Amino acid sequence: MITDFYEEKGQVLIDNEEDNGNKSGPILISLHTNAELIIEGEIVAAPLDDTLVGRSADVWTGGVIAKSYPPQTKALKMVIH
C-alpha cells in the first residue's frame, strides 16, 4: 500500500508486505531510469505523484536496497492497482 509521496525525490513510501504475507515495514521507492510503470493495466510515462497515495502496488526491484530508515530502492517495474 502506498502511504505517502515525497515530491522532492520523486519517491513513494510503501507499507511493504512480502508475497508470503510477512510485513517488512515501510520502504521508499523511486523509479529506475528504464522502469515500467503500469497504472490500471496501462503503461504510462508519467512520474510518480501524490495521486497514488492510498493505492496498492506490486514492485519489482533490482535487489539493491539502501540501509537507511526507511530503506530505499529503485523499481524496475511498478504496477499500481
N, C-alpha and C. Protein backbone atom coordinates (compact mmCIF):
# COMPACT_ATOMS: atom_id res chain seq x y z
N MET A 1 0.85 -1.17 0.00
CA MET A 1 0.00 0.00 0.00
C MET A 1 0.89 1.24 0.00
N ILE A 2 0.60 2.18 -0.90
CA ILE A 2 1.35 3.45 -0.95
C ILE A 2 0.75 4.37 0.11
N THR A 3 1.60 4.81 1.04
CA THR A 3 1.10 5.60 2.16
C THR A 3 1.51 7.07 2.11
N ASP A 4 2.51 7.42 1.28
CA ASP A 4 2.95 8.82 1.22
C ASP A 4 3.73 9.05 -0.07
N PHE A 5 3.89 10.33 -0.43
CA PHE A 5 4.65 10.73 -1.61
C PHE A 5 5.59 11.86 -1.23
N TYR A 6 6.85 11.75 -1.65
CA TYR A 6 7.87 12.77 -1.39
C TYR A 6 8.27 13.40 -2.71
N GLU A 7 7.70 14.57 -2.99
CA GLU A 7 7.88 15.23 -4.29
C GLU A 7 9.34 15.56 -4.58
N GLU A 8 10.09 16.04 -3.56
CA GLU A 8 11.47 16.47 -3.79
C GLU A 8 12.37 15.37 -4.33
N LYS A 9 12.07 14.11 -4.01
CA LYS A 9 12.87 12.99 -4.51
C LYS A 9 12.10 12.10 -5.48
N GLY A 10 10.82 12.40 -5.70
CA GLY A 10 10.01 11.59 -6.60
C GLY A 10 9.83 10.17 -6.08
N GLN A 11 9.69 10.03 -4.76
CA GLN A 11 9.56 8.71 -4.15
C GLN A 11 8.19 8.52 -3.51
N VAL A 12 7.76 7.27 -3.49
CA VAL A 12 6.56 6.91 -2.74
C VAL A 12 7.00 6.04 -1.57
N LEU A 13 6.27 6.15 -0.47
CA LEU A 13 6.51 5.31 0.70
C LEU A 13 5.49 4.18 0.66
N ILE A 14 5.99 2.97 0.70
CA ILE A 14 5.12 1.80 0.61
C ILE A 14 5.21 1.02 1.92
N ASP A 15 4.05 0.69 2.48
CA ASP A 15 4.00 -0.21 3.63
C ASP A 15 4.14 -1.60 3.06
N ASN A 16 5.32 -2.15 3.14
CA ASN A 16 5.71 -3.34 2.41
C ASN A 16 5.19 -4.63 3.03
N GLU A 17 4.62 -5.49 2.18
CA GLU A 17 4.22 -6.84 2.58
C GLU A 17 4.73 -7.80 1.51
N GLU A 18 5.52 -8.77 1.93
CA GLU A 18 6.11 -9.74 1.00
C GLU A 18 5.03 -10.68 0.46
N ASP A 19 5.35 -11.40 -0.62
CA ASP A 19 4.41 -12.35 -1.21
C ASP A 19 3.93 -13.41 -0.23
N ASN A 20 4.76 -13.73 0.76
CA ASN A 20 4.39 -14.78 1.73
C ASN A 20 3.53 -14.23 2.86
N GLY A 21 3.18 -12.92 2.80
CA GLY A 21 2.31 -12.32 3.80
C GLY A 21 3.03 -11.66 4.96
N ASN A 22 4.37 -11.78 5.02
CA ASN A 22 5.13 -11.14 6.09
C ASN A 22 5.28 -9.64 5.82
N LYS A 23 5.02 -8.84 6.85
CA LYS A 23 5.23 -7.40 6.72
C LYS A 23 6.67 -7.09 7.07
N SER A 24 7.33 -6.30 6.21
CA SER A 24 8.73 -5.97 6.46
C SER A 24 8.92 -4.48 6.70
N GLY A 25 7.84 -3.76 6.91
CA GLY A 25 7.94 -2.34 7.23
C GLY A 25 7.93 -1.44 6.00
N PRO A 26 8.02 -0.14 6.23
CA PRO A 26 7.96 0.82 5.12
C PRO A 26 9.24 0.82 4.30
N ILE A 27 9.11 1.16 3.02
CA ILE A 27 10.26 1.30 2.13
C ILE A 27 9.96 2.42 1.14
N LEU A 28 10.99 3.24 0.87
CA LEU A 28 10.86 4.32 -0.11
C LEU A 28 11.24 3.78 -1.48
N ILE A 29 10.38 4.03 -2.47
CA ILE A 29 10.58 3.53 -3.83
C ILE A 29 10.61 4.71 -4.80
N SER A 30 11.63 4.73 -5.64
CA SER A 30 11.66 5.65 -6.77
C SER A 30 11.75 4.78 -8.03
N LEU A 31 11.55 5.40 -9.18
CA LEU A 31 11.59 4.63 -10.43
C LEU A 31 12.99 4.65 -11.03
N HIS A 32 13.46 3.49 -11.45
CA HIS A 32 14.71 3.37 -12.19
C HIS A 32 14.52 4.11 -13.52
N THR A 33 15.60 4.55 -14.12
CA THR A 33 15.53 5.29 -15.39
C THR A 33 14.71 4.57 -16.45
N ASN A 34 14.86 3.26 -16.54
CA ASN A 34 14.15 2.47 -17.56
C ASN A 34 12.97 1.69 -16.99
N ALA A 35 12.44 2.16 -15.88
CA ALA A 35 11.35 1.43 -15.22
C ALA A 35 10.07 1.43 -16.05
N GLU A 36 9.30 0.38 -15.85
CA GLU A 36 7.99 0.26 -16.48
C GLU A 36 6.95 0.55 -15.40
N LEU A 37 6.16 1.60 -15.60
CA LEU A 37 5.10 1.98 -14.67
C LEU A 37 3.76 1.66 -15.32
N ILE A 38 2.98 0.82 -14.65
CA ILE A 38 1.68 0.39 -15.17
C ILE A 38 0.62 0.80 -14.16
N ILE A 39 -0.31 1.62 -14.62
CA ILE A 39 -1.41 2.06 -13.76
C ILE A 39 -2.71 1.58 -14.36
N GLU A 40 -3.42 0.76 -13.59
CA GLU A 40 -4.69 0.18 -14.01
C GLU A 40 -4.61 -0.46 -15.40
N GLY A 41 -3.55 -1.24 -15.61
CA GLY A 41 -3.40 -2.02 -16.83
C GLY A 41 -2.77 -1.30 -18.01
N GLU A 42 -2.44 -0.01 -17.87
CA GLU A 42 -1.85 0.74 -18.98
C GLU A 42 -0.46 1.23 -18.63
N ILE A 43 0.50 1.04 -19.54
CA ILE A 43 1.85 1.55 -19.35
C ILE A 43 1.80 3.07 -19.51
N VAL A 44 2.34 3.78 -18.52
CA VAL A 44 2.32 5.25 -18.56
C VAL A 44 3.74 5.79 -18.47
N ALA A 45 3.94 7.00 -18.99
CA ALA A 45 5.24 7.65 -18.95
C ALA A 45 5.30 8.72 -17.86
N ALA A 46 4.24 8.86 -17.10
CA ALA A 46 4.16 9.88 -16.06
C ALA A 46 5.05 9.51 -14.87
N PRO A 47 5.55 10.51 -14.15
CA PRO A 47 6.31 10.23 -12.93
C PRO A 47 5.38 9.85 -11.78
N LEU A 48 5.97 9.35 -10.71
CA LEU A 48 5.19 9.07 -9.50
C LEU A 48 4.66 10.39 -8.95
N ASP A 49 3.47 10.37 -8.35
CA ASP A 49 2.91 11.60 -7.78
C ASP A 49 1.97 11.27 -6.62
N ASP A 50 1.41 12.32 -6.01
CA ASP A 50 0.58 12.13 -4.82
C ASP A 50 -0.78 11.51 -5.10
N THR A 51 -1.17 11.38 -6.36
CA THR A 51 -2.45 10.73 -6.67
C THR A 51 -2.40 9.22 -6.42
N LEU A 52 -1.19 8.68 -6.21
CA LEU A 52 -1.03 7.24 -5.99
C LEU A 52 -1.20 6.85 -4.52
N VAL A 53 -1.19 7.83 -3.62
CA VAL A 53 -1.32 7.54 -2.18
C VAL A 53 -2.67 6.86 -1.92
N GLY A 54 -2.63 5.78 -1.15
CA GLY A 54 -3.83 5.02 -0.83
C GLY A 54 -4.08 3.85 -1.76
N ARG A 55 -3.28 3.74 -2.81
CA ARG A 55 -3.46 2.63 -3.76
C ARG A 55 -2.46 1.52 -3.46
N SER A 56 -2.80 0.32 -3.88
CA SER A 56 -1.87 -0.80 -3.70
C SER A 56 -0.94 -0.88 -4.90
N ALA A 57 0.24 -1.46 -4.68
CA ALA A 57 1.23 -1.55 -5.74
C ALA A 57 2.02 -2.84 -5.62
N ASP A 58 2.38 -3.40 -6.76
CA ASP A 58 3.33 -4.51 -6.83
C ASP A 58 4.60 -3.92 -7.42
N VAL A 59 5.74 -4.21 -6.77
CA VAL A 59 7.00 -3.59 -7.17
C VAL A 59 8.07 -4.65 -7.38
N TRP A 60 8.80 -4.55 -8.49
CA TRP A 60 9.95 -5.39 -8.77
C TRP A 60 11.19 -4.50 -8.72
N THR A 61 12.20 -4.93 -7.95
CA THR A 61 13.41 -4.13 -7.81
C THR A 61 14.61 -4.91 -8.32
N GLY A 62 15.72 -4.21 -8.45
CA GLY A 62 16.97 -4.84 -8.87
C GLY A 62 17.70 -5.54 -7.74
N GLY A 63 17.16 -5.45 -6.52
CA GLY A 63 17.76 -6.15 -5.39
C GLY A 63 18.64 -5.29 -4.51
N VAL A 64 19.06 -4.10 -4.97
CA VAL A 64 19.90 -3.23 -4.15
C VAL A 64 18.99 -2.33 -3.31
N ILE A 65 19.16 -2.42 -1.98
CA ILE A 65 18.35 -1.63 -1.07
C ILE A 65 19.29 -0.87 -0.13
N ALA A 66 19.15 0.47 -0.10
CA ALA A 66 19.99 1.29 0.79
C ALA A 66 19.62 1.01 2.24
N LYS A 67 20.63 0.89 3.08
CA LYS A 67 20.41 0.63 4.51
C LYS A 67 20.17 1.94 5.24
N SER A 68 19.07 2.56 4.96
CA SER A 68 18.67 3.79 5.63
C SER A 68 17.36 3.48 6.35
N TYR A 69 16.82 4.45 7.05
CA TYR A 69 15.49 4.23 7.60
C TYR A 69 14.58 5.36 7.13
N PRO A 70 13.54 5.05 6.41
CA PRO A 70 13.26 3.71 5.91
C PRO A 70 14.22 3.33 4.78
N PRO A 71 14.35 2.04 4.50
CA PRO A 71 15.20 1.61 3.38
C PRO A 71 14.70 2.24 2.08
N GLN A 72 15.60 2.36 1.10
CA GLN A 72 15.26 2.94 -0.20
C GLN A 72 15.76 2.05 -1.32
N THR A 73 14.98 2.00 -2.40
CA THR A 73 15.40 1.25 -3.57
C THR A 73 14.73 1.84 -4.81
N LYS A 74 15.13 1.34 -5.98
CA LYS A 74 14.55 1.78 -7.25
C LYS A 74 13.77 0.64 -7.87
N ALA A 75 12.61 0.96 -8.38
CA ALA A 75 11.75 -0.04 -9.02
C ALA A 75 12.13 -0.21 -10.48
N LEU A 76 12.22 -1.44 -10.91
CA LEU A 76 12.38 -1.75 -12.33
C LEU A 76 11.02 -1.83 -13.01
N LYS A 77 10.02 -2.23 -12.21
CA LYS A 77 8.65 -2.33 -12.69
C LYS A 77 7.74 -2.06 -11.50
N MET A 78 6.69 -1.27 -11.73
CA MET A 78 5.72 -0.99 -10.69
C MET A 78 4.33 -1.06 -11.30
N VAL A 79 3.47 -1.86 -10.68
CA VAL A 79 2.09 -1.99 -11.13
C VAL A 79 1.20 -1.41 -10.04
N ILE A 80 0.44 -0.37 -10.38
CA ILE A 80 -0.46 0.29 -9.45
C ILE A 80 -1.87 -0.20 -9.69
N HIS A 81 -2.56 -0.57 -8.60
CA HIS A 81 -3.94 -1.08 -8.71
C HIS A 81 -4.93 -0.05 -8.25
